[in-house]
Amino acid sequence: MPALTPPHGGGALRPLRAEGARAEEARRRAQSLPKLTVTSREKGDLVMLGLGGFTPLEGFMTHADWQGVCDGMRTASGTFWPIPITLSTDAATAESIAVGAEVALLDPDDGSLLATMKVTEKYRIDKAHECMSVFRTTDAAHPGVKMVMQQGEVNLAGPVAVLSDGGFKAQYGALFKTPAETRAEFERLGWTRVAAFQTRNPMHRSHEYLAKVAIEVCDGVLVHSLLGKLKPGDIPAEVRTRAIATLIERYFKAGTVLQAGYPLDMRYAGPREALLHAVFRQNYGCAYLIVGRDHAGVGSYYGPFDSHRIFDEIPAGALAIQPLKIDWTFWCYKCGGMASARTCPHDDADRLLVSGTKLRKWLSEGDPVPAEFSRPEVLAILREYYAGLEESEKVEVKLTGHSAR
């Protein structure tokens, strides 16, 4: 029987979660270590390192890694990697931590212990250079740029021993799966050719169409929902994943879809984030990543198909996972069904084209949404969510723009 796609780097999964006696010793030692509270983005990265989702990384990147990833999407050791995975702090705190020392990394939400880290290097970066490399802009209105510009002045590098899943398992239960768990489930289902569908939003009929196209040529689809933090106006994970579960139950053949979640915050890095999504979906066991219109984009910073093109620009063999590129999808009234710009010969006037901003306006104001855009069971869940928002929140939701995935 064919095997699942191997983890990134060609070796075995490398989860950095400490277990057993090693974890107990790390927790005991952490009581006397300097404490550093990480950011939400760094928390997600730490949890992902612990799960093995960032295989083959061993911790937070050095300056040479940072430079290589920014400039050529390669770490110092030559591993393909599209976005820096770094930890930062303020200058005074960095000054108080000696190279070679250990620090305890704390959860920004509740102050609990997330990990320990041996600091092997302290360095400053050109934040504007990282932003131009990763986001293609230094515009402070870009949420990813804002995140980088607000981080501490000094980066700390070093290997980590992760001691917590950050509360994701307690909050999301069986939905929160490690790469080892998704791989075991794929094997149980008899899947070897698995496509990943990335989402930070509920799935409407265009997303349903993308997943079903993938099912036609693969054994199954992993609908992989982001569980970390989003920007204001995006729909919370607990609402989104409930809507997705309802869609899968009502409109997909049993045994063709697995829904799971992962712990990262969105970076909104467009093409580079599409590559990061590919890297860790390979670790989760997927052979393909569905890449649609404006993947991981925000506003108008990227062209609608820049995330398609970037897969053609990386070196051959950089990834074992492959993109499944699908054009803009919509309902066409003349075709009488879902179609894409590659298959539909008709004009925009014949197509149902709904922006995220327009949909949020309809939902927040209780207006009807065309049945051709979204399944009624999905809309019922979203209407319940919007009905519970305060008026000030509804205004923010209507005014905040984001892309389809």
Protein backbone atom coordinates (compact mmCIF):
# COMPACT_ATOMS: atom_id res chain seq x y z
CA MET A 1 0.00 0.00 0.00
CA PRO A 2 1.35 3.48 -0.84
CA ALA A 3 2.60 5.51 2.11
CA LEU A 4 1.53 8.94 3.28
CA THR A 5 3.65 11.92 2.27
CA PRO A 6 6.76 12.02 4.50
CA PRO A 7 7.29 14.85 7.01
CA HIS A 8 9.09 17.98 5.83
CA GLY A 9 12.84 17.43 5.70
CA GLY A 10 12.49 13.79 4.73
CA GLY A 11 12.88 12.32 8.20
CA ALA A 12 10.47 11.44 10.99
CA LEU A 13 8.12 13.82 12.77
CA ARG A 14 9.99 15.81 15.39
CA PRO A 15 7.55 16.86 18.14
CA LEU A 16 9.30 19.00 20.76
CA ARG A 17 6.81 18.23 23.55
CA ALA A 18 8.69 16.95 26.61
CA GLU A 19 7.07 13.91 28.23
CA GLY A 20 7.41 11.85 31.38
CA ALA A 21 10.42 12.36 33.62
CA ARG A 22 11.93 14.89 31.23
CA ALA A 23 8.81 17.06 31.47
CA GLU A 24 8.68 16.79 35.26
CA GLU A 25 12.31 17.82 35.53
CA ALA A 26 11.76 20.77 33.17
CA ARG A 27 8.76 21.95 35.21
CA ARG A 28 10.73 21.68 38.44
CA ARG A 29 13.67 23.58 36.95
CA ALA A 30 11.37 26.24 35.47
CA GLN A 31 10.34 27.38 38.95
CA SER A 32 13.72 29.05 39.42
CA LEU A 33 14.29 30.22 35.84
CA PRO A 34 13.82 33.76 34.49
CA LYS A 35 10.24 34.12 33.19
CA LEU A 36 9.29 35.48 29.78
CA THR A 37 5.66 35.90 28.70
CA VAL A 38 5.34 35.22 24.99
CA THR A 39 2.96 36.86 22.52
CA SER A 40 -0.12 35.15 21.09
CA ARG A 41 1.69 34.48 17.81
CA GLU A 42 4.71 33.04 19.64
CA LYS A 43 2.40 30.85 21.74
CA GLY A 44 0.89 29.34 18.60
CA ASP A 45 4.36 28.73 17.17
CA LEU A 46 5.47 27.08 20.42
CA VAL A 47 2.46 24.77 20.50
CA MET A 48 3.06 23.88 16.86
CA LEU A 49 6.71 23.09 17.63
CA GLY A 50 5.51 20.86 20.45
CA LEU A 51 3.12 18.96 18.18
CA GLY A 52 5.73 18.35 15.52
CA GLY A 53 3.83 20.54 13.07
CA PHE A 54 6.99 22.58 12.47
CA THR A 55 9.22 19.55 11.85
CA PRO A 56 12.22 19.67 11.45
CA LEU A 57 12.72 22.90 13.46
CA GLU A 58 14.20 22.50 16.95
CA GLY A 59 13.16 25.86 18.37
CA PHE A 60 13.26 29.58 17.63
CA MET A 61 15.50 30.71 14.79
CA THR A 62 18.99 32.17 14.97
CA HIS A 63 20.01 35.33 13.14
CA ALA A 64 21.49 33.25 10.32
CA ASP A 65 18.20 31.34 10.06
CA TRP A 66 16.21 34.58 10.10
CA GLN A 67 18.38 36.13 7.37
CA GLY A 68 18.27 33.00 5.23
CA VAL A 69 14.50 32.63 5.54
CA CYS A 70 13.85 36.30 4.76
CA ASP A 71 16.19 36.40 1.77
CA GLY A 72 16.00 32.90 0.29
CA MET A 73 13.43 30.86 2.25
CA ARG A 74 16.18 28.60 3.62
CA THR A 75 17.42 28.17 7.19
CA ALA A 76 21.18 28.21 7.86
CA SER A 77 21.18 24.41 7.58
CA GLY A 78 19.49 24.57 4.17
CA THR A 79 15.96 23.54 5.21
CA PHE A 80 13.27 25.17 3.06
CA TRP A 81 11.20 27.49 5.28
CA PRO A 82 9.14 30.50 4.09
CA ILE A 83 8.48 32.60 7.24
CA PRO A 84 10.74 33.32 10.23
CA ILE A 85 9.77 31.53 13.45
CA THR A 86 11.20 33.86 16.09
CA LEU A 87 10.84 34.89 19.72
CA SER A 88 11.43 38.47 20.82
CA THR A 89 11.61 40.53 23.99
CA ASP A 90 12.45 44.05 25.08
CA ALA A 91 16.07 45.18 25.31
CA ALA A 92 16.17 45.32 29.12
CA THR A 93 14.85 41.77 29.51
CA ALA A 94 17.23 40.51 26.83
CA GLU A 95 20.14 42.16 28.65
CA SER A 96 19.25 40.29 31.84
CA ILE A 97 19.37 36.87 30.12
CA ALA A 98 22.80 35.39 29.48
CA VAL A 99 23.57 33.37 26.36
CA GLY A 100 23.62 29.73 27.46
CA ALA A 101 20.98 30.32 30.15
CA GLU A 102 17.53 28.74 30.28
CA VAL A 103 14.28 30.70 30.44
CA ALA A 104 10.71 29.69 31.23
CA LEU A 105 8.19 30.75 28.56
CA LEU A 106 4.75 31.68 29.88
CA ASP A 107 1.30 31.68 28.29
CA PRO A 108 0.08 35.24 27.54
CA ASP A 109 -3.52 34.24 28.35
CA ASP A 110 -3.18 32.75 31.84
CA GLY A 111 0.50 32.94 32.81
CA SER A 112 0.93 29.17 32.88
CA LEU A 113 4.16 27.46 31.83
CA LEU A 114 4.33 26.71 28.11
CA ALA A 115 7.96 25.68 27.61
CA THR A 116 11.58 26.08 28.61
CA MET A 117 14.20 27.36 26.21
CA LYS A 118 17.99 27.39 26.21
CA VAL A 119 19.09 30.77 24.83
CA THR A 120 21.88 30.22 22.31
CA GLU A 121 21.86 33.68 20.73
CA LYS A 122 20.51 37.22 21.16
CA TYR A 123 20.20 39.46 18.11
CA ARG A 124 18.45 42.45 16.62
CA ILE A 125 16.75 42.44 13.22
CA ASP A 126 15.74 44.92 10.56
CA LYS A 127 11.98 44.68 11.05
CA ALA A 128 11.24 46.55 7.83
CA HIS A 129 13.36 44.05 5.93
CA GLU A 130 11.39 41.14 7.40
CA CYS A 131 8.12 42.84 6.51
CA MET A 132 9.14 43.51 2.91
CA SER A 133 10.44 39.95 2.54
CA VAL A 134 7.45 38.20 4.10
CA PHE A 135 4.49 40.56 3.56
CA ARG A 136 5.78 42.54 0.54
CA THR A 137 4.89 45.77 2.35
CA THR A 138 5.78 47.88 5.38
CA ASP A 139 2.31 49.43 5.56
CA ALA A 140 1.37 49.58 9.25
CA ALA A 141 -2.27 48.91 8.30
CA HIS A 142 -1.30 45.36 7.32
CA PRO A 143 -2.01 43.17 10.41
CA GLY A 144 1.13 41.06 9.89
CA VAL A 145 3.34 44.13 9.55
CA LYS A 146 1.78 45.59 12.69
CA MET A 147 2.58 42.34 14.53
CA VAL A 148 6.26 42.41 13.54
CA MET A 149 6.71 46.12 14.18
CA GLN A 150 5.24 45.81 17.68
CA GLN A 151 7.41 42.86 18.74
CA GLY A 152 10.40 43.34 21.06
CA GLU A 153 13.70 44.84 19.92
CA VAL A 154 15.75 41.70 20.54
CA ASN A 155 15.22 38.14 19.28
CA LEU A 156 16.19 35.13 21.38
CA ALA A 157 17.19 31.92 19.62
CA GLY A 158 17.43 28.39 20.91
CA PRO A 159 15.93 24.92 21.28
CA VAL A 160 12.73 24.48 23.26
CA ALA A 161 11.14 21.81 25.43
CA VAL A 162 7.39 22.34 25.11
CA LEU A 163 5.33 21.49 28.21
CA SER A 164 1.79 22.47 27.26
CA ASP A 165 -0.65 22.58 24.37
CA GLY A 166 -1.72 26.05 25.45
CA GLY A 167 -5.22 24.92 26.43
CA PHE A 168 -6.25 24.06 22.87
CA LYS A 169 -7.08 20.42 23.69
CA ALA A 170 -9.24 21.42 26.63
CA GLN A 171 -11.08 24.01 24.53
CA TYR A 172 -11.52 22.05 21.29
CA GLY A 173 -11.31 18.39 22.32
CA ALA A 174 -10.97 15.86 19.50
CA LEU A 175 -10.93 18.66 16.92
CA PHE A 176 -7.41 19.58 18.06
CA LYS A 177 -5.22 16.92 16.48
CA THR A 178 -1.46 16.46 16.27
CA PRO A 179 0.27 15.47 13.02
CA ALA A 180 0.74 11.96 14.44
CA GLU A 181 -3.01 11.77 15.11
CA THR A 182 -4.08 12.92 11.63
CA ARG A 183 -1.62 10.50 10.05
CA ALA A 184 -3.02 7.64 12.15
CA GLU A 185 -6.57 8.62 11.15
CA PHE A 186 -5.66 8.77 7.46
CA GLU A 187 -4.17 5.30 7.72
CA ARG A 188 -7.28 4.01 9.49
CA LEU A 189 -9.42 5.43 6.67
CA GLY A 190 -7.11 3.93 4.05
CA TRP A 191 -6.15 7.35 2.67
CA THR A 192 -2.72 8.04 1.15
CA ARG A 193 -3.51 10.93 -1.21
CA VAL A 194 -4.93 13.58 1.11
CA ALA A 195 -5.69 17.20 0.22
CA ALA A 196 -5.66 19.90 2.91
CA PHE A 197 -8.23 22.68 2.83
CA GLN A 198 -7.03 25.69 4.81
CA THR A 199 -9.71 27.85 6.37
CA ARG A 200 -10.12 30.64 8.88
CA ASN A 201 -13.76 31.15 7.90
CA PRO A 202 -16.96 29.11 7.70
CA MET A 203 -17.24 27.09 4.50
CA HIS A 204 -19.74 28.47 2.02
CA ARG A 205 -20.68 26.83 -1.26
CA SER A 206 -17.55 27.97 -3.08
CA HIS A 207 -15.39 26.34 -0.38
CA GLU A 208 -17.58 23.24 -0.48
CA TYR A 209 -16.98 23.09 -4.23
CA LEU A 210 -13.20 23.33 -3.78
CA ALA A 211 -13.22 20.46 -1.29
CA LYS A 212 -15.41 18.29 -3.53
CA VAL A 213 -13.16 18.90 -6.54
CA ALA A 214 -10.26 17.64 -4.41
CA ILE A 215 -12.24 14.58 -3.28
CA GLU A 216 -12.73 13.65 -6.95
CA VAL A 217 -8.97 13.19 -7.38
CA CYS A 218 -7.82 12.32 -3.84
CA ASP A 219 -8.75 9.77 -1.18
CA GLY A 220 -10.05 12.44 1.15
CA VAL A 221 -9.81 16.02 2.39
CA LEU A 222 -8.51 17.39 5.68
CA VAL A 223 -10.53 20.53 6.46
CA HIS A 224 -7.94 22.22 8.67
CA SER A 225 -9.27 25.17 10.65
CA LEU A 226 -7.13 27.82 12.26
CA LEU A 227 -7.79 27.90 16.02
CA GLY A 228 -5.46 30.76 16.96
CA LYS A 229 -6.20 34.46 16.99
CA LEU A 230 -7.53 36.40 14.02
CA LYS A 231 -8.04 40.07 13.38
CA PRO A 232 -11.16 41.92 14.52
CA GLY A 233 -14.22 41.05 12.45
CA ASP A 234 -13.24 37.44 11.68
CA ILE A 235 -15.58 34.73 12.95
CA PRO A 236 -14.45 32.88 16.12
CA ALA A 237 -13.18 29.32 15.75
CA GLU A 238 -15.92 27.75 17.87
CA VAL A 239 -18.61 29.21 15.58
CA ARG A 240 -16.74 28.48 12.39
CA THR A 241 -15.92 24.87 13.23
CA ARG A 242 -19.53 24.14 14.27
CA ALA A 243 -20.75 25.47 10.93
CA ILE A 244 -18.15 23.37 9.09
CA ALA A 245 -19.14 20.23 11.02
CA THR A 246 -22.78 20.77 10.03
CA LEU A 247 -21.84 21.23 6.38
CA ILE A 248 -19.72 18.05 6.38
CA GLU A 249 -22.49 16.04 8.03
CA ARG A 250 -25.22 17.22 5.65
CA TYR A 251 -23.44 17.65 2.31
CA PHE A 252 -20.41 15.34 2.09
CA LYS A 253 -20.30 11.58 1.68
CA ALA A 254 -19.26 9.87 4.91
CA GLY A 255 -15.60 8.91 5.04
CA THR A 256 -14.36 11.59 2.63
CA VAL A 257 -13.66 14.51 5.01
CA LEU A 258 -11.81 14.88 8.31
CA GLN A 259 -12.11 18.16 10.18
CA ALA A 260 -9.29 19.16 12.50
CA GLY A 261 -7.79 22.35 13.92
CA TYR A 262 -4.31 23.78 14.41
CA PRO A 263 -3.05 26.37 16.93
CA LEU A 264 -1.47 29.18 14.90
CA ASP A 265 -2.47 32.83 14.65
CA MET A 266 -2.95 34.18 11.14
CA ARG A 267 -0.03 36.21 9.81
CA TYR A 268 -1.90 37.33 6.64
CA ALA A 269 1.29 36.87 4.61
CA GLY A 270 -0.43 35.80 1.39
CA PRO A 271 1.95 33.80 -0.83
CA ARG A 272 4.57 33.16 1.86
CA GLU A 273 1.89 31.99 4.27
CA ALA A 274 0.53 29.65 1.58
CA LEU A 275 3.98 28.03 1.56
CA LEU A 276 3.99 27.79 5.36
CA HIS A 277 0.56 26.16 5.17
CA ALA A 278 2.01 23.65 2.73
CA VAL A 279 5.02 22.90 4.96
CA PHE A 280 3.03 21.98 8.02
CA ARG A 281 0.22 20.22 6.08
CA GLN A 282 2.97 17.97 4.74
CA ASN A 283 3.83 17.21 8.36
CA TYR A 284 0.17 16.42 9.03
CA GLY A 285 0.36 13.81 6.24
CA CYS A 286 -1.16 15.65 3.27
CA ALA A 287 -0.01 15.25 -0.33
CA TYR A 288 -1.81 18.35 -1.62
CA LEU A 289 -2.78 21.81 -0.41
CA ILE A 290 -5.87 23.35 -2.01
CA VAL A 291 -4.86 26.86 -3.05
CA GLY A 292 -7.70 29.06 -4.18
CA ARG A 293 -8.11 32.77 -4.77
CA ASP A 294 -6.20 35.16 -2.44
CA HIS A 295 -4.97 32.40 -0.13
CA ALA A 296 -4.06 33.85 3.30
CA GLY A 297 -4.44 37.35 1.95
CA VAL A 298 -5.81 40.52 3.46
CA GLY A 299 -7.00 43.73 1.83
CA SER A 300 -5.46 44.30 -1.59
CA TYR A 301 -1.80 43.63 -0.70
CA TYR A 302 -1.54 40.58 -2.97
CA GLY A 303 -2.78 39.64 -6.39
CA PRO A 304 -5.62 37.10 -6.35
CA PHE A 305 -3.37 34.31 -7.65
CA ASP A 306 0.05 35.28 -6.26
CA SER A 307 -0.21 32.22 -3.99
CA HIS A 308 -0.55 30.03 -7.07
CA ARG A 309 2.53 31.49 -8.72
CA ILE A 310 4.83 31.28 -5.70
CA PHE A 311 4.74 27.47 -5.84
CA ASP A 312 6.26 27.71 -9.34
CA GLU A 313 9.03 30.01 -8.06
CA ILE A 314 10.44 27.82 -5.28
CA PRO A 315 13.22 25.31 -6.01
CA ALA A 316 12.25 21.89 -7.32
CA GLY A 317 12.06 19.41 -4.47
CA ALA A 318 11.68 22.08 -1.78
CA LEU A 319 8.38 20.47 -0.77
CA ALA A 320 6.96 16.98 -1.14
CA ILE A 321 3.42 18.35 -0.87
CA GLN A 322 1.99 19.87 -4.05
CA PRO A 323 -0.49 22.71 -4.61
CA LEU A 324 -3.92 21.90 -6.00
CA LYS A 325 -4.54 25.23 -7.74
CA ILE A 326 -8.18 26.15 -8.31
CA ASP A 327 -9.46 29.34 -9.88
CA TRP A 328 -12.07 31.72 -8.48
CA THR A 329 -15.26 29.75 -7.75
CA PHE A 330 -18.88 30.96 -7.73
CA TRP A 331 -22.46 30.10 -8.59
CA CYS A 332 -23.26 30.72 -12.25
CA TYR A 333 -26.93 31.21 -13.03
CA LYS A 334 -26.47 30.33 -16.70
CA CYS A 335 -24.45 27.19 -15.92
CA GLY A 336 -27.02 26.34 -13.27
CA GLY A 337 -24.46 25.39 -10.63
CA MET A 338 -21.06 25.95 -9.08
CA ALA A 339 -18.24 26.74 -11.49
CA SER A 340 -14.84 28.38 -11.68
CA ALA A 341 -13.28 31.00 -13.92
CA ARG A 342 -11.55 28.11 -15.74
CA THR A 343 -14.79 26.29 -16.54
CA CYS A 344 -17.48 28.96 -16.84
CA PRO A 345 -17.74 30.90 -20.14
CA HIS A 346 -20.23 33.49 -18.86
CA ASP A 347 -19.90 37.08 -17.68
CA ASP A 348 -19.83 38.52 -14.17
CA ALA A 349 -23.48 39.54 -14.58
CA ASP A 350 -24.40 35.84 -14.65
CA ARG A 351 -22.33 34.97 -11.57
CA LEU A 352 -23.06 35.31 -7.86
CA LEU A 353 -20.02 37.20 -6.58
CA VAL A 354 -20.23 37.96 -2.86
CA SER A 355 -17.42 39.70 -0.96
CA GLY A 356 -16.71 38.97 2.67
CA THR A 357 -17.64 42.55 3.52
CA LYS A 358 -21.02 42.25 1.79
CA LEU A 359 -21.79 38.93 3.48
CA ARG A 360 -20.97 40.30 6.93
CA LYS A 361 -23.21 43.30 6.25
CA TRP A 362 -26.10 41.03 5.28
CA LEU A 363 -25.66 38.83 8.33
CA SER A 364 -25.16 41.64 10.84
CA GLU A 365 -28.27 43.44 9.54
CA GLY A 366 -30.38 40.29 9.26
CA ASP A 367 -30.77 40.61 5.49
CA PRO A 368 -31.39 37.55 3.28
CA VAL A 369 -28.38 35.73 1.81
CA PRO A 370 -28.82 33.95 -1.55
CA ALA A 371 -29.20 30.18 -1.15
CA GLU A 372 -26.73 29.77 -4.00
CA PHE A 373 -24.01 31.33 -1.83
CA SER A 374 -24.32 29.34 1.39
CA ARG A 375 -26.16 26.32 2.73
CA PRO A 376 -29.12 27.20 5.00
CA GLU A 377 -27.75 25.16 7.92
CA VAL A 378 -24.51 27.17 7.82
CA LEU A 379 -26.38 30.47 7.64
CA ALA A 380 -28.53 29.51 10.62
CA ILE A 381 -25.43 29.06 12.79
CA LEU A 382 -23.90 32.32 11.56
CA ARG A 383 -27.15 34.26 12.10
CA GLU A 384 -27.29 32.96 15.67
CA TYR A 385 -23.74 34.24 16.23
CA TYR A 386 -24.38 37.65 14.69
CA ALA A 387 -27.63 38.05 16.61
CA GLY A 388 -25.65 37.73 19.84
CA LEU A 389 -23.17 40.49 19.02
CA GLU A 390 -23.38 43.91 20.60
CA GLU A 391 -24.18 46.73 18.20
CA SER A 392 -20.62 48.09 18.44
CA GLU A 393 -19.29 44.67 17.50
CA LYS A 394 -21.62 44.48 14.49
CA VAL A 395 -20.27 47.79 13.20
CA GLU A 396 -16.68 46.51 13.55
CA VAL A 397 -17.59 43.25 11.78
CA LYS A 398 -19.14 45.10 8.84
CA LEU A 399 -16.19 47.40 8.40
CA THR A 400 -13.36 44.87 8.71
CA GLY A 401 -12.28 43.30 5.44
CA HIS A 402 -10.71 39.89 4.86
CA SER A 403 -10.31 37.33 2.09
CA ALA A 404 -12.17 34.10 1.48
CA ARG A 405 -9.78 31.78 3.32
